Protein backbone atom coordinates (compact mmCIF):
# COMPACT_ATOMS: atom_id res chain seq x y z
CA MET A 1 0.00 0.00 0.00
CA ILE A 2 1.22 3.49 -0.80
CA ILE A 3 0.11 6.62 1.07
CA ASN A 4 1.63 10.04 0.41
CA ASN A 5 4.20 8.46 -1.94
CA THR A 6 5.37 6.25 0.95
CA VAL A 7 5.29 2.45 0.96
CA ILE A 8 3.42 1.35 4.08
CA ASN A 9 4.80 -1.97 5.30
CA LYS A 10 6.73 -3.61 8.15
CA HIS A 11 9.98 -2.00 6.96
CA LEU A 12 8.75 1.57 7.37
CA THR A 13 10.82 3.36 10.00
CA LYS A 14 9.43 6.05 12.25
CA GLU A 15 12.05 8.50 10.98
CA LEU A 16 11.14 8.01 7.31
CA PHE A 17 7.43 8.12 8.14
CA TYR A 18 7.78 11.33 10.14
CA ASN A 19 9.88 13.01 7.43
CA ASN A 20 7.29 12.13 4.76
CA PHE A 21 4.17 12.91 6.84
CA LYS A 22 5.17 15.64 9.32
CA ASN A 23 3.02 18.30 7.64
CA TYR A 24 -0.04 16.03 7.84
CA LEU A 25 0.25 14.86 11.46
CA GLN A 26 -1.40 15.91 14.70
CA GLN A 27 1.52 14.65 16.87
CA GLU A 28 5.15 15.45 17.43
CA GLU A 29 7.98 13.12 16.44
CA SER A 30 8.39 11.87 20.03
CA SER A 31 5.03 10.06 19.85
CA ASN A 32 4.65 6.40 18.86
CA ILE A 33 1.05 6.82 17.65
CA PHE A 34 0.32 9.21 14.80
CA MET A 35 -3.02 10.40 13.40
CA LEU A 36 -3.39 12.28 10.16
CA LYS A 37 -5.04 15.73 10.32
CA SER A 38 -7.32 14.92 7.42
CA PRO A 39 -8.58 11.81 5.61
CA VAL A 40 -6.46 10.13 2.96
CA LYS A 41 -7.76 8.57 -0.28
CA ILE A 42 -6.64 4.99 -0.91
CA GLU A 43 -7.87 3.05 -3.94
CA GLY A 44 -11.16 4.93 -4.20
CA LEU A 45 -12.12 5.28 -0.51
CA GLU A 46 -11.28 8.01 1.98
CA PHE A 47 -10.01 6.96 5.41
CA TRP A 48 -8.88 8.38 8.71
CA ALA A 49 -5.48 6.77 9.31
CA ASP A 50 -3.68 6.01 12.59
CA PHE A 51 -0.11 4.67 12.54
CA THR A 52 1.47 2.90 15.52
CA PHE A 53 5.21 2.34 15.86
CA GLN A 54 7.10 0.02 18.20
CA ASN A 55 10.90 0.07 18.43
CA ASN A 56 10.86 2.72 15.66
CA ILE A 57 9.25 0.31 13.13
CA LEU A 58 5.65 0.40 11.92
CA GLU A 59 3.63 -2.07 13.99
CA SER A 60 0.08 -1.32 12.80
CA LEU A 61 -2.11 0.90 10.67
CA LYS A 62 -5.77 1.51 11.47
CA LEU A 63 -8.05 2.84 8.73
CA SER A 64 -11.57 4.13 9.42
CA ILE A 65 -13.83 5.08 6.51
CA TYR A 66 -14.30 8.85 6.34
CA GLN A 67 -17.93 9.96 6.44
CA SER A 68 -17.79 13.03 8.66
CA ASN A 69 -15.25 15.07 10.58
CA GLU A 70 -14.62 12.23 13.02
CA PRO A 71 -14.23 8.44 12.82
CA ILE A 72 -17.50 6.51 12.79
CA SER A 73 -18.72 5.44 16.24
CA TYR A 74 -21.96 4.85 18.16
CA SER A 75 -22.11 8.57 18.92
CA ASN A 76 -22.53 9.44 15.24
CA MET A 77 -23.93 6.31 13.61
CA PHE A 78 -26.82 3.90 14.16
CA GLU A 79 -25.81 0.30 14.92
CA TYR A 80 -27.44 -1.18 11.81
CA LYS A 81 -25.30 1.14 9.67
CA LEU A 82 -22.12 -0.30 11.20
CA GLN A 83 -22.73 -3.62 9.41
CA ASP A 84 -23.18 -1.71 6.14
CA ILE A 85 -19.88 0.11 6.67
CA LYS A 86 -18.11 -3.14 7.54
CA GLY A 87 -19.53 -4.58 4.30
CA ILE A 88 -17.99 -1.69 2.33
CA GLN A 89 -14.65 -2.30 4.08
CA ASP A 90 -14.78 -6.03 3.37
CA LYS A 91 -15.54 -5.50 -0.35
CA TRP A 92 -12.72 -2.95 -0.60
CA LEU A 93 -10.29 -5.39 1.06
CA GLU A 94 -11.38 -8.28 -1.18
CA LYS A 95 -10.75 -6.09 -4.22
CA GLN A 96 -7.26 -5.20 -2.95
CA TYR A 97 -6.14 -8.47 -1.34
CA GLY A 98 -8.37 -11.31 -2.52
CA ARG A 99 -10.66 -13.59 -0.56
CA TYR A 100 -10.79 -13.42 3.23
CA SER A 101 -9.44 -16.26 5.34
CA GLU A 102 -12.01 -16.02 8.15
CA LYS A 103 -15.34 -14.23 8.54
CA SER A 104 -17.84 -13.65 11.35
CA THR A 105 -20.53 -11.07 12.10
CA TYR A 106 -18.09 -8.64 13.69
CA SER A 107 -14.77 -9.36 11.97
CA THR A 108 -13.27 -10.44 8.68
CA LYS A 109 -9.64 -11.54 8.49
CA PHE A 110 -7.28 -11.48 5.54
CA ASN A 111 -3.82 -13.03 5.53
CA THR A 112 -1.35 -11.46 3.14
CA SER A 113 2.39 -11.74 2.72
CA PHE A 114 2.93 -8.28 4.24
CA ALA A 115 0.32 -8.07 7.02
CA LYS A 116 -2.52 -9.68 8.90
CA ILE A 117 -5.61 -7.57 8.12
CA ILE A 118 -8.77 -7.43 10.23
CA SER A 119 -11.93 -5.57 9.23
CA TYR A 120 -13.99 -5.24 12.39
CA ILE A 121 -16.77 -3.69 14.42
CA ASP A 122 -15.92 -2.97 18.05
CA THR A 123 -19.27 -3.60 19.76
CA LYS A 124 -18.34 -1.58 22.85
CA SER A 125 -17.24 1.63 21.13
CA GLY A 126 -19.15 1.22 17.87
CA GLU A 127 -15.94 1.73 15.93
CA THR A 128 -15.74 0.17 12.48
CA SER A 129 -12.20 -0.02 11.16
CA ILE A 130 -9.58 -1.97 9.24
CA LEU A 131 -6.45 -2.95 11.17
CA PHE A 132 -3.21 -3.88 9.39
CA LEU A 133 -0.84 -5.76 11.74
CA PHE A 134 2.73 -5.79 10.43
CA SER A 135 4.98 -8.45 11.94
């Protein structure tokens, strides 16, 4: 995946990330979790993006479909809509990465060569997101 002309994978260092994204971030370089100030368009969909680093290497990327000025949650979306949003996420992921490896009501998992990907609904917060785990 490429965002802001930067390859997003398990080899992305915090230093390179910060240098390429510093004008788009809400946090200072000393942080290990970075959120973009505005949504980013990836393969036809707009997402809020959160990057987490551990030991100065990208550990995970969380994408939440952009529909308003904040990530989707129970406070701004009805529960039945969360399943619809997860369906959009799942179709987008299938288009990008092929068939899922596991699927349930609240999560869909994809195994790729570069990351474990989980499309999910968090039933406590109402968050609907895609999590890329790089390891």
